[in-house]
């Protein structure tokens, strides 16, 4: 709250209205309504959140203090902590069925207030995050400067962070694309390493990942004859950030991720990448692919989902309470505040003791990547991100949603996954008309970063599942034609052909 009692009198300046005196929040130029609803919790507000989501930790949440409404959701706040599941489902269905493109789309990029920056340490982070040092009025880090010029595209060349242990695959090229709501996404395309291309793999990343983390997988798929196309979701990797604190992951609804996928299909995959098109998705990428499966029909031919984030393992906090707390924060204007996650624990993980992979070399490579290019990665997520993910998981339990899925889908689950529920993945595959399920016993969550004894079966399963629409090239297809290899012509056959011609 602004203290006006110590300011010198200004007789010729009109006194600000009550709303300006109560909260001072940076605003964008998107619209008057967006500017009005842009406020967050003011400085000095004391509130905590320990909401637990997959690798974000699990704990109970202390009482919250209400703030203002979020700019992108209805302004009606719930009367109690328990949110009606029916109302949530109806709201989610309405938003997901809304057209992705339009003349007046609300940009998802938001700014962070001073009160939000000061609340990092009290909102459950293992370690307080330092605000990004920027000059007054300077553009946000990893963002384009003018928010009002959403049609402008980045002009700088796309660069990838390479190390000796993690070189970029041969032929990898990057670029920028702009979504319908003005967000710039970094993408990459790698050609097939064989003379004949079998098709294109759309590699959909999980949360807190970037193109660089999949260099090895992209190279392996290219060696099998596939073209590979991938991109960084909004708010992570090399794509635009949505908050002034660039280390915090944030979206208010899964529809924004679906916009990213649709823009990528329209701008890169459909015009420039050879069909058939197969999705290979990990964790959050699998959740997004399943959520948008209805709109992907007739454009995507197969989907292989590695440890998809369909549900969370059972924890100390039940799913209803967890969802109610996240929704309460979202609808009371605190959706961009961070929730507790195990950022401190990740720094203490060792190559042998971690919940992600058994492979020592790949674990150390990914840690070096995070330390060498920290701007590509995130720390804690926002409460709105938690609510969006939980709403997407809830939607996948509905029979009408499952019945509408028509794309043949293989779900590959990790037997020792402590981040995503393998049991929920098996149940979903069993309920799908087009679903198939494979369990890799003993494997951990990041299957594409796992030890070869778990990773190679995943790649083999992917190739076998795609074989029906993208057959593997024959041995002769990968070698130049030599006339000496042609069998000698049968003279008797020549005479029979001449007699038939007469």
Foldseek 3Di string as FASTA:
>chain_A
DDDPPPDDDDVVDDDDDPVCRVFDFDAAPLDPLQRVQQDFDHAPDAAAFAQDAFQQDHDDGDDGDFAAAHSPDDQDFDPDLFDDPVVLLVVQVVVLPDDLADDRDAALAGEDGPRQLVCQVRHAAPDRDHFDDDDVQAAAPLFDRHLVPLVDADDDADDDDADPLQHAAPAKGKDWFGFNNRWIKIKIKHAAPFPAALWEEEEAEDAFDEPSLCRVVCNVVSPQRHIYMYIDFELFASIHRRYSRSQAADDQALSSSVRVVVRCCVPPPVPPTGDDYEYEYAACRVLSCLSCLLVCPPNHAEYEYAAYQLDAPDDPDDLSSSLSNLSNCNSSRNQQHFHGGVQVVVVVAACCRDQAAVDSSSVVVVVVVCVVCVSRGHGTYGSSVVNNSSSSSVNLVDLVSLASRDHQYEYEYEQSENRHDPVSVVVSQVSHPRHHYHYDYPGGRHQCSYDCVRNVVSVVVVCVVCCVSRPGDDPVSRDDDDPVPDDDDDPVVVVVVVVVVD
